[in-house]
Amino acid sequence: MPRPPDSPSVSSSGPTGPADRYGRPGAGEQGRRRRRFVVVVAVLLVLGLAYAVWFGAASRDRATARTQGFDVIDDTSTRVTFTVSMPRGSVADCQVEALSSGSAQVGLVTVPVGPSDTTAVTVRTVLVTSERATTGQPVGCTLR
């Protein structure tokens, strides 16, 4: 039976894939892709290294405080113990607060810390409060 001339022909080998239809990428295209990949990875590594150096330098020149404990002595005073981490030989000013049961600030003092031969200094200070405190904590420290 003859086939009409305008009907599509069907190959006996089955359907063709995109690579057969459009051609496979040549060696030049694969080389360009590989070079792009290497460049992108190199740029990401350089950016990561730059961030690590920046973060390390930024954290080296600051002081941080962490609460170790507090003791409410009476209605007008609270003792706060905290540890300050800072570079050796530096001096920091740390603000310490006492809070009431309603979270109102009832006492605030600035405590000078350092210089010290170590990077961690434990400090104990007594705050005068306007009413009975329920907690005491360092607010923050700044290097001089």
N, C-alpha and C. Protein backbone atom coordinates (compact mmCIF):
# COMPACT_ATOMS: atom_id res chain seq x y z
N MET A 1 0.83 -1.16 0.00
CA MET A 1 0.00 0.00 0.00
C MET A 1 0.89 1.24 0.00
N PRO A 2 0.71 2.08 -0.95
CA PRO A 2 1.55 3.28 -1.03
C PRO A 2 1.15 4.30 0.03
N ARG A 3 2.12 5.01 0.50
CA ARG A 3 1.91 6.01 1.53
C ARG A 3 1.77 7.38 0.88
N PRO A 4 0.84 8.19 1.41
CA PRO A 4 0.71 9.53 0.83
C PRO A 4 1.96 10.36 1.07
N PRO A 5 2.33 11.24 0.18
CA PRO A 5 3.58 11.99 0.28
C PRO A 5 3.60 12.97 1.44
N ASP A 6 2.46 13.45 1.99
CA ASP A 6 2.48 14.44 3.05
C ASP A 6 2.44 13.83 4.44
N SER A 7 2.45 12.54 4.60
CA SER A 7 2.41 11.92 5.93
C SER A 7 3.82 11.85 6.50
N PRO A 8 3.94 12.00 7.85
CA PRO A 8 5.28 11.97 8.46
C PRO A 8 5.86 10.57 8.39
N SER A 9 7.16 10.51 8.25
CA SER A 9 7.81 9.21 8.23
C SER A 9 8.20 8.82 9.65
N VAL A 10 8.14 7.57 9.96
CA VAL A 10 8.49 7.04 11.27
C VAL A 10 9.71 6.18 11.09
N SER A 11 10.69 6.44 11.91
CA SER A 11 11.93 5.67 11.83
C SER A 11 11.74 4.35 12.55
N SER A 12 12.33 3.33 12.02
CA SER A 12 12.21 2.03 12.66
C SER A 12 13.14 1.91 13.86
N SER A 13 14.07 2.85 14.01
CA SER A 13 15.00 2.77 15.13
C SER A 13 14.42 3.37 16.41
N GLY A 14 13.26 3.95 16.42
CA GLY A 14 12.62 4.50 17.61
C GLY A 14 12.80 6.00 17.71
N PRO A 15 12.34 6.57 18.82
CA PRO A 15 12.42 8.02 19.00
C PRO A 15 13.86 8.47 19.19
N THR A 16 14.12 9.69 18.81
CA THR A 16 15.48 10.24 18.94
C THR A 16 15.53 11.15 20.15
N GLY A 17 16.69 11.21 20.79
CA GLY A 17 16.88 12.07 21.96
C GLY A 17 17.32 13.45 21.53
N PRO A 18 17.35 14.42 22.49
CA PRO A 18 17.75 15.78 22.17
C PRO A 18 19.17 15.88 21.62
N ALA A 19 20.06 15.06 22.14
CA ALA A 19 21.44 15.13 21.65
C ALA A 19 21.52 14.72 20.19
N ASP A 20 20.68 13.74 19.78
CA ASP A 20 20.67 13.33 18.38
C ASP A 20 20.06 14.40 17.50
N ARG A 21 19.09 15.11 18.03
CA ARG A 21 18.42 16.14 17.25
C ARG A 21 19.26 17.39 17.10
N TYR A 22 19.87 17.83 18.23
CA TYR A 22 20.54 19.13 18.23
C TYR A 22 22.06 19.02 18.22
N GLY A 23 22.58 17.87 18.36
CA GLY A 23 24.03 17.68 18.35
C GLY A 23 24.60 17.71 19.75
N ARG A 24 25.67 17.01 19.94
CA ARG A 24 26.34 16.99 21.24
C ARG A 24 27.28 18.18 21.33
N PRO A 25 27.46 18.68 22.59
CA PRO A 25 28.39 19.79 22.72
C PRO A 25 29.80 19.33 22.36
N GLY A 26 30.50 20.18 21.67
CA GLY A 26 31.85 19.85 21.24
C GLY A 26 32.83 19.97 22.39
N ALA A 27 34.05 19.59 22.14
CA ALA A 27 35.09 19.66 23.16
C ALA A 27 35.31 21.10 23.60
N GLY A 28 35.18 22.05 22.69
CA GLY A 28 35.35 23.46 23.03
C GLY A 28 34.30 23.93 24.02
N GLU A 29 33.06 23.54 23.85
CA GLU A 29 31.98 23.93 24.77
C GLU A 29 32.20 23.31 26.15
N GLN A 30 32.60 22.06 26.22
CA GLN A 30 32.85 21.41 27.51
C GLN A 30 34.01 22.09 28.23
N GLY A 31 35.02 22.49 27.51
CA GLY A 31 36.16 23.19 28.10
C GLY A 31 35.75 24.54 28.68
N ARG A 32 34.89 25.26 27.95
CA ARG A 32 34.41 26.55 28.44
C ARG A 32 33.58 26.36 29.71
N ARG A 33 32.74 25.34 29.75
CA ARG A 33 31.93 25.06 30.95
C ARG A 33 32.82 24.74 32.14
N ARG A 34 33.83 23.93 31.91
CA ARG A 34 34.74 23.55 32.99
C ARG A 34 35.49 24.78 33.51
N ARG A 35 35.96 25.66 32.60
CA ARG A 35 36.66 26.86 33.03
C ARG A 35 35.73 27.78 33.83
N ARG A 36 34.48 27.93 33.39
CA ARG A 36 33.51 28.74 34.13
C ARG A 36 33.31 28.18 35.53
N PHE A 37 33.18 26.87 35.63
CA PHE A 37 32.99 26.22 36.93
C PHE A 37 34.18 26.48 37.84
N VAL A 38 35.39 26.34 37.32
CA VAL A 38 36.60 26.57 38.12
C VAL A 38 36.67 28.02 38.57
N VAL A 39 36.33 28.95 37.70
CA VAL A 39 36.37 30.38 38.05
C VAL A 39 35.34 30.68 39.15
N VAL A 40 34.13 30.15 39.02
CA VAL A 40 33.09 30.38 40.03
C VAL A 40 33.52 29.82 41.38
N VAL A 41 34.06 28.61 41.40
CA VAL A 41 34.53 28.00 42.65
C VAL A 41 35.67 28.83 43.25
N ALA A 42 36.59 29.29 42.42
CA ALA A 42 37.71 30.10 42.92
C ALA A 42 37.21 31.41 43.52
N VAL A 43 36.27 32.06 42.86
CA VAL A 43 35.72 33.31 43.39
C VAL A 43 35.02 33.07 44.72
N LEU A 44 34.25 32.00 44.82
CA LEU A 44 33.57 31.68 46.08
C LEU A 44 34.57 31.39 47.20
N LEU A 45 35.65 30.70 46.90
CA LEU A 45 36.68 30.43 47.90
C LEU A 45 37.34 31.72 48.38
N VAL A 46 37.65 32.61 47.44
CA VAL A 46 38.27 33.89 47.81
C VAL A 46 37.32 34.71 48.68
N LEU A 47 36.05 34.75 48.32
CA LEU A 47 35.07 35.49 49.13
C LEU A 47 34.93 34.88 50.53
N GLY A 48 34.91 33.56 50.62
CA GLY A 48 34.83 32.90 51.91
C GLY A 48 36.04 33.18 52.78
N LEU A 49 37.21 33.16 52.19
CA LEU A 49 38.43 33.47 52.93
C LEU A 49 38.43 34.93 53.40
N ALA A 50 38.00 35.83 52.54
CA ALA A 50 37.94 37.25 52.92
C ALA A 50 36.97 37.46 54.08
N TYR A 51 35.83 36.78 54.05
CA TYR A 51 34.86 36.89 55.15
C TYR A 51 35.45 36.35 56.45
N ALA A 52 36.15 35.23 56.39
CA ALA A 52 36.74 34.64 57.59
C ALA A 52 37.78 35.58 58.20
N VAL A 53 38.60 36.21 57.36
CA VAL A 53 39.61 37.15 57.85
C VAL A 53 38.93 38.37 58.46
N TRP A 54 37.92 38.90 57.78
CA TRP A 54 37.19 40.07 58.29
C TRP A 54 36.52 39.75 59.62
N PHE A 55 35.86 38.60 59.72
CA PHE A 55 35.16 38.22 60.94
C PHE A 55 36.15 38.04 62.08
N GLY A 56 37.27 37.41 61.81
CA GLY A 56 38.29 37.22 62.85
C GLY A 56 38.86 38.54 63.34
N ALA A 57 39.12 39.45 62.44
CA ALA A 57 39.66 40.75 62.83
C ALA A 57 38.63 41.57 63.60
N ALA A 58 37.38 41.49 63.20
CA ALA A 58 36.33 42.26 63.88
C ALA A 58 36.10 41.75 65.29
N SER A 59 36.14 40.43 65.49
CA SER A 59 35.86 39.88 66.81
C SER A 59 37.06 40.03 67.74
N ARG A 60 38.24 40.25 67.20
CA ARG A 60 39.44 40.38 68.03
C ARG A 60 39.45 41.70 68.79
N ASP A 61 38.87 42.74 68.24
CA ASP A 61 38.94 44.06 68.84
C ASP A 61 37.63 44.47 69.51
N ARG A 62 37.07 43.56 70.31
CA ARG A 62 35.86 43.91 71.02
C ARG A 62 35.83 43.18 72.36
N ALA A 63 34.94 43.62 73.21
CA ALA A 63 34.77 43.01 74.52
C ALA A 63 33.34 42.50 74.64
N THR A 64 33.19 41.30 75.18
CA THR A 64 31.87 40.73 75.40
C THR A 64 31.76 40.28 76.85
N ALA A 65 30.54 40.33 77.37
CA ALA A 65 30.30 39.94 78.76
C ALA A 65 29.26 38.84 78.82
N ARG A 66 29.48 37.92 79.76
CA ARG A 66 28.54 36.81 79.96
C ARG A 66 28.25 36.70 81.46
N THR A 67 26.97 36.64 81.80
CA THR A 67 26.55 36.56 83.20
C THR A 67 26.97 35.24 83.81
N GLN A 68 27.56 35.31 84.99
CA GLN A 68 27.90 34.11 85.76
C GLN A 68 26.89 33.88 86.87
N GLY A 69 26.31 34.96 87.39
CA GLY A 69 25.31 34.83 88.45
C GLY A 69 24.97 36.17 89.05
N PHE A 70 23.96 36.16 89.89
CA PHE A 70 23.59 37.38 90.61
C PHE A 70 23.03 36.97 91.96
N ASP A 71 23.02 37.93 92.89
CA ASP A 71 22.50 37.69 94.23
C ASP A 71 21.80 38.96 94.68
N VAL A 72 20.51 38.86 94.96
CA VAL A 72 19.76 40.00 95.47
C VAL A 72 20.08 40.08 96.96
N ILE A 73 20.79 41.12 97.35
CA ILE A 73 21.23 41.26 98.74
C ILE A 73 20.09 41.75 99.61
N ASP A 74 19.43 42.82 99.19
CA ASP A 74 18.27 43.36 99.91
C ASP A 74 17.47 44.22 98.94
N ASP A 75 16.56 45.03 99.46
CA ASP A 75 15.70 45.85 98.60
C ASP A 75 16.46 46.94 97.84
N THR A 76 17.69 47.26 98.25
CA THR A 76 18.41 48.36 97.62
C THR A 76 19.75 47.96 97.01
N SER A 77 20.06 46.68 96.97
CA SER A 77 21.35 46.30 96.37
C SER A 77 21.30 44.88 95.82
N THR A 78 22.05 44.69 94.72
CA THR A 78 22.16 43.40 94.03
C THR A 78 23.60 43.22 93.59
N ARG A 79 24.14 42.01 93.80
CA ARG A 79 25.50 41.68 93.38
C ARG A 79 25.42 40.90 92.07
N VAL A 80 26.22 41.29 91.09
CA VAL A 80 26.26 40.62 89.79
C VAL A 80 27.69 40.16 89.54
N THR A 81 27.83 38.90 89.13
CA THR A 81 29.13 38.34 88.75
C THR A 81 29.07 38.04 87.26
N PHE A 82 30.09 38.51 86.51
CA PHE A 82 30.10 38.29 85.07
C PHE A 82 31.54 38.15 84.59
N THR A 83 31.69 37.53 83.42
CA THR A 83 33.01 37.34 82.82
C THR A 83 33.09 38.16 81.54
N VAL A 84 34.18 38.91 81.42
CA VAL A 84 34.42 39.74 80.24
C VAL A 84 35.52 39.10 79.41
N SER A 85 35.25 38.90 78.13
CA SER A 85 36.25 38.42 77.18
C SER A 85 36.71 39.59 76.33
N MET A 86 38.03 39.83 76.34
CA MET A 86 38.59 40.96 75.59
C MET A 86 40.06 40.69 75.34
N PRO A 87 40.69 41.44 74.43
CA PRO A 87 42.11 41.24 74.16
C PRO A 87 42.97 41.51 75.40
N ARG A 88 44.06 40.77 75.52
CA ARG A 88 44.99 40.97 76.65
C ARG A 88 45.47 42.41 76.72
N GLY A 89 45.55 42.93 77.93
CA GLY A 89 46.08 44.26 78.14
C GLY A 89 45.13 45.40 77.85
N SER A 90 43.92 45.10 77.40
CA SER A 90 42.98 46.18 77.08
C SER A 90 42.09 46.51 78.28
N VAL A 91 41.42 47.65 78.19
CA VAL A 91 40.52 48.12 79.23
C VAL A 91 39.14 48.31 78.61
N ALA A 92 38.12 47.86 79.33
CA ALA A 92 36.74 47.98 78.83
C ALA A 92 35.87 48.63 79.90
N ASP A 93 34.82 49.28 79.47
CA ASP A 93 33.79 49.80 80.36
C ASP A 93 32.55 48.95 80.11
N CYS A 94 32.05 48.31 81.18
CA CYS A 94 30.89 47.43 81.07
C CYS A 94 29.72 47.99 81.85
N GLN A 95 28.57 48.04 81.22
CA GLN A 95 27.36 48.46 81.90
C GLN A 95 26.65 47.23 82.45
N VAL A 96 26.24 47.34 83.71
CA VAL A 96 25.56 46.25 84.39
C VAL A 96 24.24 46.80 84.92
N GLU A 97 23.17 46.03 84.73
CA GLU A 97 21.85 46.49 85.16
C GLU A 97 21.20 45.49 86.10
N ALA A 98 20.27 46.02 86.89
CA ALA A 98 19.41 45.19 87.74
C ALA A 98 17.98 45.47 87.30
N LEU A 99 17.17 44.40 87.21
CA LEU A 99 15.79 44.53 86.75
C LEU A 99 14.82 44.09 87.84
N SER A 100 13.64 44.73 87.85
CA SER A 100 12.59 44.35 88.80
C SER A 100 11.78 43.19 88.24
N SER A 101 10.79 42.75 89.02
CA SER A 101 9.94 41.64 88.57
C SER A 101 9.13 42.02 87.33
N GLY A 102 8.90 43.31 87.11
CA GLY A 102 8.19 43.76 85.92
C GLY A 102 9.13 44.09 84.77
N SER A 103 10.40 43.69 84.87
CA SER A 103 11.44 43.92 83.87
C SER A 103 11.83 45.39 83.72
N ALA A 104 11.52 46.20 84.72
CA ALA A 104 11.94 47.60 84.71
C ALA A 104 13.37 47.67 85.24
N GLN A 105 14.15 48.55 84.67
CA GLN A 105 15.52 48.73 85.13
C GLN A 105 15.50 49.50 86.45
N VAL A 106 16.01 48.89 87.51
CA VAL A 106 16.00 49.52 88.84
C VAL A 106 17.41 49.85 89.33
N GLY A 107 18.42 49.52 88.52
CA GLY A 107 19.79 49.86 88.86
C GLY A 107 20.68 49.75 87.64
N LEU A 108 21.65 50.65 87.53
CA LEU A 108 22.59 50.64 86.41
C LEU A 108 23.91 51.20 86.88
N VAL A 109 24.99 50.53 86.52
CA VAL A 109 26.32 51.00 86.88
C VAL A 109 27.28 50.68 85.73
N THR A 110 28.30 51.54 85.56
CA THR A 110 29.36 51.28 84.59
C THR A 110 30.60 50.86 85.36
N VAL A 111 31.13 49.69 85.00
CA VAL A 111 32.26 49.11 85.72
C VAL A 111 33.48 49.07 84.79
N PRO A 112 34.60 49.68 85.19
CA PRO A 112 35.82 49.54 84.39
C PRO A 112 36.43 48.15 84.63
N VAL A 113 36.90 47.52 83.55
CA VAL A 113 37.49 46.18 83.63
C VAL A 113 38.84 46.21 82.94
N GLY A 114 39.88 45.67 83.61
CA GLY A 114 41.20 45.53 83.01
C GLY A 114 42.11 46.65 83.41
N PRO A 115 43.30 46.65 82.90
CA PRO A 115 43.89 45.68 81.98
C PRO A 115 44.23 44.37 82.70
N SER A 116 44.34 43.31 81.90
CA SER A 116 44.62 41.99 82.44
C SER A 116 45.56 41.23 81.52
N ASP A 117 46.27 40.27 82.09
CA ASP A 117 47.18 39.42 81.30
C ASP A 117 46.44 38.29 80.60
N THR A 118 45.15 38.12 80.92
CA THR A 118 44.37 37.04 80.32
C THR A 118 43.29 37.63 79.43
N THR A 119 42.65 36.78 78.62
CA THR A 119 41.59 37.25 77.72
C THR A 119 40.22 37.17 78.36
N ALA A 120 40.11 36.55 79.54
CA ALA A 120 38.83 36.45 80.25
C ALA A 120 39.02 36.92 81.68
N VAL A 121 38.19 37.89 82.09
CA VAL A 121 38.28 38.46 83.43
C VAL A 121 36.92 38.32 84.09
N THR A 122 36.91 37.75 85.30
CA THR A 122 35.66 37.63 86.06
C THR A 122 35.56 38.81 87.00
N VAL A 123 34.40 39.47 86.98
CA VAL A 123 34.17 40.69 87.75
C VAL A 123 32.94 40.48 88.63
N ARG A 124 33.02 41.01 89.85
CA ARG A 124 31.87 40.99 90.76
C ARG A 124 31.63 42.44 91.17
N THR A 125 30.39 42.92 91.01
CA THR A 125 30.06 44.30 91.36
C THR A 125 28.72 44.33 92.08
N VAL A 126 28.53 45.36 92.92
CA VAL A 126 27.27 45.54 93.64
C VAL A 126 26.59 46.79 93.07
N LEU A 127 25.33 46.62 92.72
CA LEU A 127 24.53 47.74 92.20
C LEU A 127 23.61 48.25 93.28
N VAL A 128 23.47 49.56 93.35
CA VAL A 128 22.46 50.18 94.20
C VAL A 128 21.18 50.21 93.38
N THR A 129 20.06 49.75 93.98
CA THR A 129 18.80 49.67 93.25
C THR A 129 17.74 50.57 93.89
N SER A 130 16.81 51.03 93.07
CA SER A 130 15.74 51.89 93.56
C SER A 130 14.60 51.10 94.20
N GLU A 131 14.53 49.81 93.90
CA GLU A 131 13.58 48.89 94.53
C GLU A 131 14.17 47.49 94.42
N ARG A 132 13.51 46.51 94.99
CA ARG A 132 14.04 45.14 95.00
C ARG A 132 14.16 44.61 93.57
N ALA A 133 15.34 44.13 93.24
CA ALA A 133 15.59 43.56 91.91
C ALA A 133 15.29 42.07 91.95
N THR A 134 15.03 41.53 90.79
CA THR A 134 14.84 40.08 90.67
C THR A 134 15.92 39.45 89.79
N THR A 135 16.72 40.28 89.13
CA THR A 135 17.82 39.77 88.31
C THR A 135 18.86 40.87 88.12
N GLY A 136 20.05 40.45 87.77
CA GLY A 136 21.13 41.37 87.45
C GLY A 136 21.94 40.78 86.31
N GLN A 137 22.41 41.64 85.41
CA GLN A 137 23.13 41.14 84.23
C GLN A 137 23.95 42.25 83.59
N PRO A 138 25.02 41.88 82.89
CA PRO A 138 25.74 42.89 82.11
C PRO A 138 24.95 43.23 80.85
N VAL A 139 24.95 44.50 80.49
CA VAL A 139 24.24 44.95 79.28
C VAL A 139 25.19 44.90 78.09
N GLY A 140 26.42 45.29 78.29
CA GLY A 140 27.40 45.30 77.20
C GLY A 140 28.68 45.96 77.64
N CYS A 141 29.73 45.74 76.86
CA CYS A 141 31.05 46.31 77.17
C CYS A 141 31.61 46.97 75.92
N THR A 142 32.35 48.06 76.13
CA THR A 142 33.04 48.72 75.02
C THR A 142 34.49 48.91 75.42
N LEU A 143 35.38 48.70 74.47
CA LEU A 143 36.80 48.92 74.72
C LEU A 143 37.09 50.41 74.73
N ARG A 144 38.01 50.78 75.55
CA ARG A 144 38.43 52.20 75.60
C ARG A 144 39.41 52.48 74.49
